Amino acid sequence: MSHNEISNDEAHEAHVAQGIAKIVRMANQIGTFFESKPHEEGVHGVAEHINKFWEPRMRRHFFEVVDAGGEGLKPIVIEAAVQVRRPSARVTAEQAAEAGAVASG
């Protein structure tokens, strides 16, 4: 592989990093808007906006950043994170089959 080529792993990591950067940027834009409100109203507004308008996949990425320490996030966004609904974990086929067996048995 030449120095100009990148591996699939490197390409995937770059794509993930871009996605995370976009989530941080979007969350901070929401935070910037709500910083003009009284503090508690602003914190609640950030959480409410994310809960209403972000799909579970976006919230999952958001919590990856928060759970890793919140690097790059504005303080108002980090504070609002406790009010943001965590998306449910993905259910594996095995978990779904087990749940079905429990429900029917």
PDB file of N, CA and C in Angstrom:
ATOM      1  N   MET A   1       0.859  -1.183   0.000  1.00  0.00           N
ATOM      2  CA  MET A   1       0.000   0.000   0.000  1.00  0.00           C
ATOM      3  C   MET A   1       0.898   1.237   0.000  1.00  0.00           C
ATOM      4  N   SER A   2       0.636   2.156  -0.896  1.00  0.00           N
ATOM      5  CA  SER A   2       1.443   3.372  -0.967  1.00  0.00           C
ATOM      6  C   SER A   2       1.049   4.328   0.153  1.00  0.00           C
ATOM      7  N   HIS A   3       1.849   5.340   0.339  1.00  0.00           N
ATOM      8  CA  HIS A   3       1.569   6.305   1.403  1.00  0.00           C
ATOM      9  C   HIS A   3       0.318   7.138   1.113  1.00  0.00           C
ATOM     10  N   ASN A   4      -0.174   7.126  -0.135  1.00  0.00           N
ATOM     11  CA  ASN A   4      -1.384   7.865  -0.483  1.00  0.00           C
ATOM     12  C   ASN A   4      -2.653   7.071  -0.240  1.00  0.00           C
ATOM     13  N   GLU A   5      -2.523   5.768  -0.063  1.00  0.00           N
ATOM     14  CA  GLU A   5      -3.685   4.918   0.158  1.00  0.00           C
ATOM     15  C   GLU A   5      -3.946   4.784   1.649  1.00  0.00           C
ATOM     16  N   ILE A   6      -5.221   4.639   1.992  1.00  0.00           N
ATOM     17  CA  ILE A   6      -5.560   4.395   3.388  1.00  0.00           C
ATOM     18  C   ILE A   6      -6.333   3.090   3.468  1.00  0.00           C
ATOM     19  N   SER A   7      -6.210   2.429   4.586  1.00  0.00           N
ATOM     20  CA  SER A   7      -6.898   1.159   4.760  1.00  0.00           C
ATOM     21  C   SER A   7      -8.380   1.395   5.017  1.00  0.00           C
ATOM     22  N   ASN A   8      -9.158   0.339   4.871  1.00  0.00           N
ATOM     23  CA  ASN A   8     -10.588   0.437   5.176  1.00  0.00           C
ATOM     24  C   ASN A   8     -10.808   0.835   6.622  1.00  0.00           C
ATOM     25  N   ASP A   9      -9.973   0.311   7.531  1.00  0.00           N
ATOM     26  CA  ASP A   9     -10.100   0.669   8.947  1.00  0.00           C
ATOM     27  C   ASP A   9      -9.863   2.159   9.159  1.00  0.00           C
ATOM     28  N   GLU A  10      -8.830   2.682   8.493  1.00  0.00           N
ATOM     29  CA  GLU A  10      -8.537   4.115   8.625  1.00  0.00           C
ATOM     30  C   GLU A  10      -9.662   4.958   8.044  1.00  0.00           C
ATOM     31  N   ALA A  11     -10.226   4.522   6.927  1.00  0.00           N
ATOM     32  CA  ALA A  11     -11.335   5.253   6.305  1.00  0.00           C
ATOM     33  C   ALA A  11     -12.549   5.232   7.223  1.00  0.00           C
ATOM     34  N   HIS A  12     -12.819   4.069   7.825  1.00  0.00           N
ATOM     35  CA  HIS A  12     -13.958   3.957   8.743  1.00  0.00           C
ATOM     36  C   HIS A  12     -13.744   4.857   9.964  1.00  0.00           C
ATOM     37  N   GLU A  13     -12.548   4.831  10.526  1.00  0.00           N
ATOM     38  CA  GLU A  13     -12.251   5.673  11.695  1.00  0.00           C
ATOM     39  C   GLU A  13     -12.418   7.151  11.353  1.00  0.00           C
ATOM     40  N   ALA A  14     -11.982   7.551  10.169  1.00  0.00           N
ATOM     41  CA  ALA A  14     -12.128   8.955   9.751  1.00  0.00           C
ATOM     42  C   ALA A  14     -13.600   9.310   9.610  1.00  0.00           C
ATOM     43  N   HIS A  15     -14.391   8.389   9.055  1.00  0.00           N
ATOM     44  CA  HIS A  15     -15.830   8.625   8.894  1.00  0.00           C
ATOM     45  C   HIS A  15     -16.511   8.769  10.251  1.00  0.00           C
ATOM     46  N   VAL A  16     -16.173   7.886  11.184  1.00  0.00           N
ATOM     47  CA  VAL A  16     -16.745   7.941  12.533  1.00  0.00           C
ATOM     48  C   VAL A  16     -16.350   9.255  13.208  1.00  0.00           C
ATOM     49  N   ALA A  17     -15.086   9.645  13.078  1.00  0.00           N
ATOM     50  CA  ALA A  17     -14.619  10.894  13.692  1.00  0.00           C
ATOM     51  C   ALA A  17     -15.364  12.097  13.126  1.00  0.00           C
ATOM     52  N   GLN A  18     -15.630  12.089  11.821  1.00  0.00           N
ATOM     53  CA  GLN A  18     -16.387  13.183  11.207  1.00  0.00           C
ATOM     54  C   GLN A  18     -17.810  13.215  11.752  1.00  0.00           C
ATOM     55  N   GLY A  19     -18.418  12.041  11.913  1.00  0.00           N
ATOM     56  CA  GLY A  19     -19.774  11.961  12.458  1.00  0.00           C
ATOM     57  C   GLY A  19     -19.844  12.480  13.877  1.00  0.00           C
ATOM     58  N   ILE A  20     -18.855  12.098  14.682  1.00  0.00           N
ATOM     59  CA  ILE A  20     -18.810  12.561  16.070  1.00  0.00           C
ATOM     60  C   ILE A  20     -18.611  14.070  16.106  1.00  0.00           C
ATOM     61  N   ALA A  21     -17.723  14.582  15.267  1.00  0.00           N
ATOM     62  CA  ALA A  21     -17.493  16.032  15.212  1.00  0.00           C
ATOM     63  C   ALA A  21     -18.779  16.767  14.829  1.00  0.00           C
ATOM     64  N   LYS A  22     -19.555  16.179  13.924  1.00  0.00           N
ATOM     65  CA  LYS A  22     -20.815  16.806  13.502  1.00  0.00           C
ATOM     66  C   LYS A  22     -21.812  16.817  14.663  1.00  0.00           C
ATOM     67  N   ILE A  23     -21.899  15.731  15.424  1.00  0.00           N
ATOM     68  CA  ILE A  23     -22.797  15.662  16.586  1.00  0.00           C
ATOM     69  C   ILE A  23     -22.402  16.730  17.606  1.00  0.00           C
ATOM     70  N   VAL A  24     -21.096  16.847  17.874  1.00  0.00           N
ATOM     71  CA  VAL A  24     -20.610  17.858  18.828  1.00  0.00           C
ATOM     72  C   VAL A  24     -20.959  19.256  18.325  1.00  0.00           C
ATOM     73  N   ARG A  25     -20.725  19.518  17.051  1.00  0.00           N
ATOM     74  CA  ARG A  25     -21.023  20.834  16.479  1.00  0.00           C
ATOM     75  C   ARG A  25     -22.516  21.156  16.580  1.00  0.00           C
ATOM     76  N   MET A  26     -23.366  20.182  16.236  1.00  0.00           N
ATOM     77  CA  MET A  26     -24.815  20.403  16.289  1.00  0.00           C
ATOM     78  C   MET A  26     -25.284  20.632  17.725  1.00  0.00           C
ATOM     79  N   ALA A  27     -24.790  19.824  18.649  1.00  0.00           N
ATOM     80  CA  ALA A  27     -25.179  19.975  20.058  1.00  0.00           C
ATOM     81  C   ALA A  27     -24.747  21.340  20.580  1.00  0.00           C
ATOM     82  N   ASN A  28     -23.546  21.769  20.206  1.00  0.00           N
ATOM     83  CA  ASN A  28     -23.062  23.075  20.659  1.00  0.00           C
ATOM     84  C   ASN A  28     -23.843  24.231  20.038  1.00  0.00           C
ATOM     85  N   GLN A  29     -24.315  24.060  18.800  1.00  0.00           N
ATOM     86  CA  GLN A  29     -25.156  25.098  18.188  1.00  0.00           C
ATOM     87  C   GLN A  29     -26.458  25.248  18.969  1.00  0.00           C
ATOM     88  N   ILE A  30     -27.039  24.125  19.371  1.00  0.00           N
ATOM     89  CA  ILE A  30     -28.244  24.165  20.194  1.00  0.00           C
ATOM     90  C   ILE A  30     -27.913  24.840  21.525  1.00  0.00           C
ATOM     91  N   GLY A  31     -26.791  24.456  22.114  1.00  0.00           N
ATOM     92  CA  GLY A  31     -26.362  25.053  23.379  1.00  0.00           C
ATOM     93  C   GLY A  31     -26.167  26.557  23.270  1.00  0.00           C
ATOM     94  N   THR A  32     -25.555  26.999  22.188  1.00  0.00           N
ATOM     95  CA  THR A  32     -25.333  28.434  21.981  1.00  0.00           C
ATOM     96  C   THR A  32     -26.661  29.186  21.958  1.00  0.00           C
ATOM     97  N   PHE A  33     -27.640  28.631  21.253  1.00  0.00           N
ATOM     98  CA  PHE A  33     -28.950  29.279  21.200  1.00  0.00           C
ATOM     99  C   PHE A  33     -29.547  29.395  22.601  1.00  0.00           C
ATOM    100  N   PHE A  34     -29.511  28.318  23.375  1.00  0.00           N
ATOM    101  CA  PHE A  34     -30.173  28.305  24.680  1.00  0.00           C
ATOM    102  C   PHE A  34     -29.365  28.989  25.786  1.00  0.00           C
ATOM    103  N   GLU A  35     -28.111  29.348  25.517  1.00  0.00           N
ATOM    104  CA  GLU A  35     -27.333  30.102  26.506  1.00  0.00           C
ATOM    105  C   GLU A  35     -27.927  31.491  26.747  1.00  0.00           C
ATOM    106  N   SER A  36     -28.735  31.985  25.811  1.00  0.00           N
ATOM    107  CA  SER A  36     -29.343  33.308  25.971  1.00  0.00           C
ATOM    108  C   SER A  36     -30.531  33.278  26.934  1.00  0.00           C
ATOM    109  N   LYS A  37     -30.980  32.104  27.307  1.00  0.00           N
ATOM    110  CA  LYS A  37     -32.119  31.941  28.222  1.00  0.00           C
ATOM    111  C   LYS A  37     -31.611  31.890  29.656  1.00  0.00           C
ATOM    112  N   PRO A  38     -32.509  32.073  30.648  1.00  0.00           N
ATOM    113  CA  PRO A  38     -32.101  31.821  32.036  1.00  0.00           C
ATOM    114  C   PRO A  38     -31.536  30.396  32.120  1.00  0.00           C
ATOM    115  N   HIS A  39     -30.556  30.186  32.983  1.00  0.00           N
ATOM    116  CA  HIS A  39     -29.765  28.950  32.977  1.00  0.00           C
ATOM    117  C   HIS A  39     -30.607  27.673  32.970  1.00  0.00           C
ATOM    118  N   GLU A  40     -31.483  27.501  33.934  1.00  0.00           N
ATOM    119  CA  GLU A  40     -32.258  26.261  34.019  1.00  0.00           C
ATOM    120  C   GLU A  40     -33.147  26.074  32.799  1.00  0.00           C
ATOM    121  N   GLU A  41     -33.732  27.158  32.321  1.00  0.00           N
ATOM    122  CA  GLU A  41     -34.566  27.097  31.112  1.00  0.00           C
ATOM    123  C   GLU A  41     -33.713  26.690  29.912  1.00  0.00           C
ATOM    124  N   GLY A  42     -32.508  27.211  29.855  1.00  0.00           N
ATOM    125  CA  GLY A  42     -31.603  26.879  28.755  1.00  0.00           C
ATOM    126  C   GLY A  42     -31.192  25.419  28.764  1.00  0.00           C
ATOM    127  N   VAL A  43     -30.834  24.914  29.940  1.00  0.00           N
ATOM    128  CA  VAL A  43     -30.450  23.506  30.070  1.00  0.00           C
ATOM    129  C   VAL A  43     -31.612  22.612  29.637  1.00  0.00           C
ATOM    130  N   HIS A  44     -32.793  22.925  30.138  1.00  0.00           N
ATOM    131  CA  HIS A  44     -33.982  22.150  29.780  1.00  0.00           C
ATOM    132  C   HIS A  44     -34.263  22.259  28.277  1.00  0.00           C
ATOM    133  N   GLY A  45     -34.082  23.435  27.714  1.00  0.00           N
ATOM    134  CA  GLY A  45     -34.321  23.645  26.287  1.00  0.00           C
ATOM    135  C   GLY A  45     -33.400  22.813  25.412  1.00  0.00           C
ATOM    136  N   VAL A  46     -32.128  22.713  25.798  1.00  0.00           N
ATOM    137  CA  VAL A  46     -31.182  21.881  25.048  1.00  0.00           C
ATOM    138  C   VAL A  46     -31.661  20.436  25.055  1.00  0.00           C
ATOM    139  N   ALA A  47     -31.977  19.924  26.244  1.00  0.00           N
ATOM    140  CA  ALA A  47     -32.419  18.532  26.359  1.00  0.00           C
ATOM    141  C   ALA A  47     -33.711  18.299  25.592  1.00  0.00           C
ATOM    142  N   GLU A  48     -34.645  19.213  25.717  1.00  0.00           N
ATOM    143  CA  GLU A  48     -35.933  19.060  25.048  1.00  0.00           C
ATOM    144  C   GLU A  48     -35.759  19.030  23.525  1.00  0.00           C
ATOM    145  N   HIS A  49     -34.900  19.911  23.014  1.00  0.00           N
ATOM    146  CA  HIS A  49     -34.662  19.952  21.572  1.00  0.00           C
ATOM    147  C   HIS A  49     -34.061  18.634  21.084  1.00  0.00           C
ATOM    148  N   ILE A  50     -33.057  18.143  21.781  1.00  0.00           N
ATOM    149  CA  ILE A  50     -32.422  16.884  21.382  1.00  0.00           C
ATOM    150  C   ILE A  50     -33.427  15.735  21.474  1.00  0.00           C
ATOM    151  N   ASN A  51     -34.209  15.693  22.543  1.00  0.00           N
ATOM    152  CA  ASN A  51     -35.208  14.632  22.692  1.00  0.00           C
ATOM    153  C   ASN A  51     -36.251  14.658  21.578  1.00  0.00           C
ATOM    154  N   LYS A  52     -36.669  15.837  21.176  1.00  0.00           N
ATOM    155  CA  LYS A  52     -37.728  15.964  20.169  1.00  0.00           C
ATOM    156  C   LYS A  52     -37.241  15.714  18.745  1.00  0.00           C
ATOM    157  N   PHE A  53     -36.038  16.166  18.438  1.00  0.00           N
ATOM    158  CA  PHE A  53     -35.629  16.231  17.039  1.00  0.00           C
ATOM    159  C   PHE A  53     -34.483  15.303  16.630  1.00  0.00           C
ATOM    160  N   TRP A  54     -33.805  14.706  17.583  1.00  0.00           N
ATOM    161  CA  TRP A  54     -32.705  13.818  17.226  1.00  0.00           C
ATOM    162  C   TRP A  54     -33.185  12.378  17.267  1.00  0.00           C
ATOM    163  N   GLU A  55     -32.914  11.652  16.197  1.00  0.00           N
ATOM    164  CA  GLU A  55     -33.274  10.241  16.141  1.00  0.00           C
ATOM    165  C   GLU A  55     -32.374   9.439  17.096  1.00  0.00           C
ATOM    166  N   PRO A  56     -32.795   8.227  17.449  1.00  0.00           N
ATOM    167  CA  PRO A  56     -32.013   7.418  18.406  1.00  0.00           C
ATOM    168  C   PRO A  56     -30.541   7.250  18.029  1.00  0.00           C
ATOM    169  N   ARG A  57     -30.250   7.063  16.732  1.00  0.00           N
ATOM    170  CA  ARG A  57     -28.849   6.890  16.317  1.00  0.00           C
ATOM    171  C   ARG A  57     -28.023   8.125  16.670  1.00  0.00           C
ATOM    172  N   MET A  58     -28.585   9.310  16.471  1.00  0.00           N
ATOM    173  CA  MET A  58     -27.864  10.549  16.803  1.00  0.00           C
ATOM    174  C   MET A  58     -27.665  10.657  18.315  1.00  0.00           C
ATOM    175  N   ARG A  59     -28.709  10.321  19.080  1.00  0.00           N
ATOM    176  CA  ARG A  59     -28.571  10.371  20.544  1.00  0.00           C
ATOM    177  C   ARG A  59     -27.563   9.331  21.024  1.00  0.00           C
ATOM    178  N   ARG A  60     -27.498   8.181  20.357  1.00  0.00           N
ATOM    179  CA  ARG A  60     -26.505   7.158  20.725  1.00  0.00           C
ATOM    180  C   ARG A  60     -25.106   7.719  20.550  1.00  0.00           C
ATOM    181  N   HIS A  61     -24.844   8.393  19.423  1.00  0.00           N
ATOM    182  CA  HIS A  61     -23.535   9.015  19.185  1.00  0.00           C
ATOM    183  C   HIS A  61     -23.275  10.133  20.190  1.00  0.00           C
ATOM    184  N   PHE A  62     -24.309  10.894  20.501  1.00  0.00           N
ATOM    185  CA  PHE A  62     -24.186  11.962  21.494  1.00  0.00           C
ATOM    186  C   PHE A  62     -23.708  11.384  22.825  1.00  0.00           C
ATOM    187  N   PHE A  63     -24.332  10.277  23.244  1.00  0.00           N
ATOM    188  CA  PHE A  63     -23.940   9.683  24.525  1.00  0.00           C
ATOM    189  C   PHE A  63     -22.571   9.022  24.476  1.00  0.00           C
ATOM    190  N   GLU A  64     -22.116   8.614  23.308  1.00  0.00           N
ATOM    191  CA  GLU A  64     -20.737   8.122  23.187  1.00  0.00           C
ATOM    192  C   GLU A  64     -19.771   9.241  23.573  1.00  0.00           C
ATOM    193  N   VAL A  65     -20.066  10.461  23.118  1.00  0.00           N
ATOM    194  CA  VAL A  65     -19.219  11.615  23.446  1.00  0.00           C
ATOM    195  C   VAL A  65     -19.345  11.939  24.933  1.00  0.00           C
ATOM    196  N   VAL A  66     -20.573  12.022  25.432  1.00  0.00           N
ATOM    197  CA  VAL A  66     -20.811  12.357  26.846  1.00  0.00           C
ATOM    198  C   VAL A  66     -20.139  11.337  27.748  1.00  0.00           C
ATOM    199  N   ASP A  67     -20.340  10.050  27.456  1.00  0.00           N
ATOM    200  CA  ASP A  67     -19.795   8.985  28.303  1.00  0.00           C
ATOM    201  C   ASP A  67     -18.271   8.929  28.275  1.00  0.00           C
ATOM    202  N   ALA A  68     -17.685   9.467  27.207  1.00  0.00           N
ATOM    203  CA  ALA A  68     -16.229   9.511  27.095  1.00  0.00           C
ATOM    204  C   ALA A  68     -15.648  10.779  27.727  1.00  0.00           C
ATOM    205  N   GLY A  69     -16.480  11.585  28.370  1.00  0.00           N
ATOM    206  CA  GLY A  69     -16.000  12.775  29.052  1.00  0.00           C
ATOM    207  C   GLY A  69     -16.520  14.081  28.482  1.00  0.00           C
ATOM    208  N   GLY A  70     -17.221  14.019  27.348  1.00  0.00           N
ATOM    209  CA  GLY A  70     -17.838  15.226  26.801  1.00  0.00           C
ATOM    210  C   GLY A  70     -16.885  16.185  26.118  1.00  0.00           C
ATOM    211  N   GLU A  71     -15.740  15.687  25.662  1.00  0.00           N
ATOM    212  CA  GLU A  71     -14.752  16.565  25.038  1.00  0.00           C
ATOM    213  C   GLU A  71     -15.361  17.361  23.893  1.00  0.00           C
ATOM    214  N   GLY A  72     -15.187  18.679  23.948  1.00  0.00           N
ATOM    215  CA  GLY A  72     -15.668  19.569  22.907  1.00  0.00           C
ATOM    216  C   GLY A  72     -17.071  20.106  23.124  1.00  0.00           C
ATOM    217  N   LEU A  73     -17.814  19.504  24.056  1.00  0.00           N
ATOM    218  CA  LEU A  73     -19.182  19.960  24.305  1.00  0.00           C
ATOM    219  C   LEU A  73     -19.202  21.159  25.247  1.00  0.00           C
ATOM    220  N   LYS A  74     -20.095  22.099  24.972  1.00  0.00           N
ATOM    221  CA  LYS A  74     -20.291  23.252  25.855  1.00  0.00           C
ATOM    222  C   LYS A  74     -20.822  22.763  27.206  1.00  0.00           C
ATOM    223  N   PRO A  75     -20.502  23.458  28.281  1.00  0.00           N
ATOM    224  CA  PRO A  75     -21.000  23.066  29.611  1.00  0.00           C
ATOM    225  C   PRO A  75     -22.522  22.932  29.672  1.00  0.00           C
ATOM    226  N   ILE A  76     -23.262  23.804  28.990  1.00  0.00           N
ATOM    227  CA  ILE A  76     -24.726  23.725  29.026  1.00  0.00           C
ATOM    228  C   ILE A  76     -25.209  22.418  28.391  1.00  0.00           C
ATOM    229  N   VAL A  77     -24.507  21.941  27.371  1.00  0.00           N
ATOM    230  CA  VAL A  77     -24.873  20.692  26.703  1.00  0.00           C
ATOM    231  C   VAL A  77     -24.582  19.505  27.617  1.00  0.00           C
ATOM    232  N   ILE A  78     -23.432  19.530  28.263  1.00  0.00           N
ATOM    233  CA  ILE A  78     -23.080  18.453  29.192  1.00  0.00           C
ATOM    234  C   ILE A  78     -24.090  18.403  30.329  1.00  0.00           C
ATOM    235  N   GLU A  79     -24.462  19.562  30.859  1.00  0.00           N
ATOM    236  CA  GLU A  79     -25.436  19.613  31.944  1.00  0.00           C
ATOM    237  C   GLU A  79     -26.799  19.099  31.488  1.00  0.00           C
ATOM    238  N   ALA A  80     -27.165  19.386  30.247  1.00  0.00           N
ATOM    239  CA  ALA A  80     -28.454  18.948  29.715  1.00  0.00           C
ATOM    240  C   ALA A  80     -28.497  17.446  29.466  1.00  0.00           C
ATOM    241  N   ALA A  81     -27.350  16.819  29.313  1.00  0.00           N
ATOM    242  CA  ALA A  81     -27.302  15.399  28.954  1.00  0.00           C
ATOM    243  C   ALA A  81     -28.083  14.512  29.920  1.00  0.00           C
ATOM    244  N   VAL A  82     -28.147  14.884  31.197  1.00  0.00           N
ATOM    245  CA  VAL A  82     -28.883  14.047  32.156  1.00  0.00           C
ATOM    246  C   VAL A  82     -30.383  14.058  31.894  1.00  0.00           C
ATOM    247  N   GLN A  83     -30.869  15.048  31.130  1.00  0.00           N
ATOM    248  CA  GLN A  83     -32.287  15.130  30.798  1.00  0.00           C
ATOM    249  C   GLN A  83     -32.597  14.555  29.411  1.00  0.00           C
ATOM    250  N   VAL A  84     -31.561  14.189  28.680  1.00  0.00           N
ATOM    251  CA  VAL A  84     -31.753  13.628  27.343  1.00  0.00           C
ATOM    252  C   VAL A  84     -32.040  12.133  27.494  1.00  0.00           C
ATOM    253  N   ARG A  85     -33.051  11.656  26.753  1.00  0.00           N
ATOM    254  CA  ARG A  85     -33.400  10.232  26.797  1.00  0.00           C
ATOM    255  C   ARG A  85     -32.326   9.420  26.091  1.00  0.00           C
ATOM    256  N   ARG A  86     -31.815   8.430  26.798  1.00  0.00           N
ATOM    257  CA  ARG A  86     -30.866   7.514  26.176  1.00  0.00           C
ATOM    258  C   ARG A  86     -31.651   6.571  25.273  1.00  0.00           C
ATOM    259  N   PRO A  87     -31.161   6.366  24.054  1.00  0.00           N
ATOM    260  CA  PRO A  87     -31.850   5.411  23.185  1.00  0.00           C
ATOM    261  C   PRO A  87     -31.680   4.009  23.754  1.00  0.00           C
ATOM    262  N   SER A  88     -32.668   3.170  23.540  1.00  0.00           N
ATOM    263  CA  SER A  88     -32.552   1.816  24.053  1.00  0.00           C
ATOM    264  C   SER A  88     -31.424   1.106  23.315  1.00  0.00           C
ATOM    265  N   ALA A  89     -30.824   0.187  24.006  1.00  0.00           N
ATOM    266  CA  ALA A  89     -29.729  -0.568  23.407  1.00  0.00           C
ATOM    267  C   ALA A  89     -30.278  -1.426  22.270  1.00  0.00           C
ATOM    268  N   ARG A  90     -29.451  -1.669  21.298  1.00  0.00           N
ATOM    269  CA  ARG A  90     -29.861  -2.528  20.196  1.00  0.00           C
ATOM    270  C   ARG A  90     -30.071  -3.943  20.725  1.00  0.00           C
ATOM    271  N   VAL A  91     -31.119  -4.567  20.292  1.00  0.00           N
ATOM    272  CA  VAL A  91     -31.435  -5.920  20.723  1.00  0.00           C
ATOM    273  C   VAL A  91     -30.821  -6.893  19.725  1.00  0.00           C
ATOM    274  N   THR A  92     -30.044  -7.839  20.243  1.00  0.00           N
ATOM    275  CA  THR A  92     -29.464  -8.853  19.366  1.00  0.00           C
ATOM    276  C   THR A  92     -30.523  -9.888  19.026  1.00  0.00           C
ATOM    277  N   ALA A  93     -30.273 -10.664  17.988  1.00  0.00           N
ATOM    278  CA  ALA A  93     -31.201 -11.727  17.594  1.00  0.00           C
ATOM    279  C   ALA A  93     -31.386 -12.711  18.751  1.00  0.00           C
ATOM    280  N   GLU A  94     -30.315 -12.999  19.447  1.00  0.00           N
ATOM    281  CA  GLU A  94     -30.386 -13.926  20.580  1.00  0.00           C
ATOM    282  C   GLU A  94     -31.279 -13.359  21.686  1.00  0.00           C
ATOM    283  N   GLN A  95     -31.136 -12.060  21.990  1.00  0.00           N
ATOM    284  CA  GLN A  95     -31.966 -11.442  23.015  1.00  0.00           C
ATOM    285  C   GLN A  95     -33.429 -11.422  22.598  1.00  0.00           C
ATOM    286  N   ALA A  96     -33.691 -11.177  21.307  1.00  0.00           N
ATOM    287  CA  ALA A  96     -35.066 -11.159  20.825  1.00  0.00           C
ATOM    288  C   ALA A  96     -35.677 -12.554  20.926  1.00  0.00           C
ATOM    289  N   ALA A  97     -34.908 -13.584  20.555  1.00  0.00           N
ATOM    290  CA  ALA A  97     -35.405 -14.956  20.639  1.00  0.00           C
ATOM    291  C   ALA A  97     -35.679 -15.331  22.095  1.00  0.00           C
ATOM    292  N   GLU A  98     -34.777 -14.925  22.986  1.00  0.00           N
ATOM    293  CA  GLU A  98     -34.960 -15.217  24.414  1.00  0.00           C
ATOM    294  C   GLU A  98     -36.191 -14.500  24.947  1.00  0.00           C
ATOM    295  N   ALA A  99     -36.389 -13.263  24.554  1.00  0.00           N
ATOM    296  CA  ALA A  99     -37.565 -12.507  24.988  1.00  0.00           C
ATOM    297  C   ALA A  99     -38.851 -13.166  24.491  1.00  0.00           C
ATOM    298  N   GLY A 100     -38.812 -13.659  23.252  1.00  0.00           N
ATOM    299  CA  GLY A 100     -39.960 -14.354  22.685  1.00  0.00           C
ATOM    300  C   GLY A 100     -40.276 -15.628  23.440  1.00  0.00           C
ATOM    301  N   ALA A 101     -39.236 -16.344  23.840  1.00  0.00           N
ATOM    302  CA  ALA A 101     -39.418 -17.591  24.588  1.00  0.00           C
ATOM    303  C   ALA A 101     -39.995 -17.297  25.957  1.00  0.00           C
ATOM    304  N   VAL A 102     -39.553 -16.222  26.588  1.00  0.00           N
ATOM    305  CA  VAL A 102     -40.051 -15.849  27.918  1.00  0.00           C
ATOM    306  C   VAL A 102     -41.509 -15.431  27.807  1.00  0.00           C
ATOM    307  N   ALA A 103     -41.834 -14.641  26.781  1.00  0.00           N
ATOM    308  CA  ALA A 103     -43.195 -14.146  26.595  1.00  0.00           C
ATOM    309  C   ALA A 103     -44.175 -15.272  26.310  1.00  0.00           C
ATOM    310  N   SER A 104     -43.723 -16.279  25.581  1.00  0.00           N
ATOM    311  CA  SER A 104     -44.631 -17.361  25.227  1.00  0.00           C
ATOM    312  C   SER A 104     -44.593 -18.518  26.220  1.00  0.00           C
ATOM    313  N   GLY A 105     -43.582 -18.530  27.057  1.00  0.00           N
ATOM    314  CA  GLY A 105     -43.419 -19.694  27.914  1.00  0.00           C
ATOM    315  C   GLY A 105     -43.697 -19.414  29.316  1.00  0.00           C
TER     316      GLY A 105
END
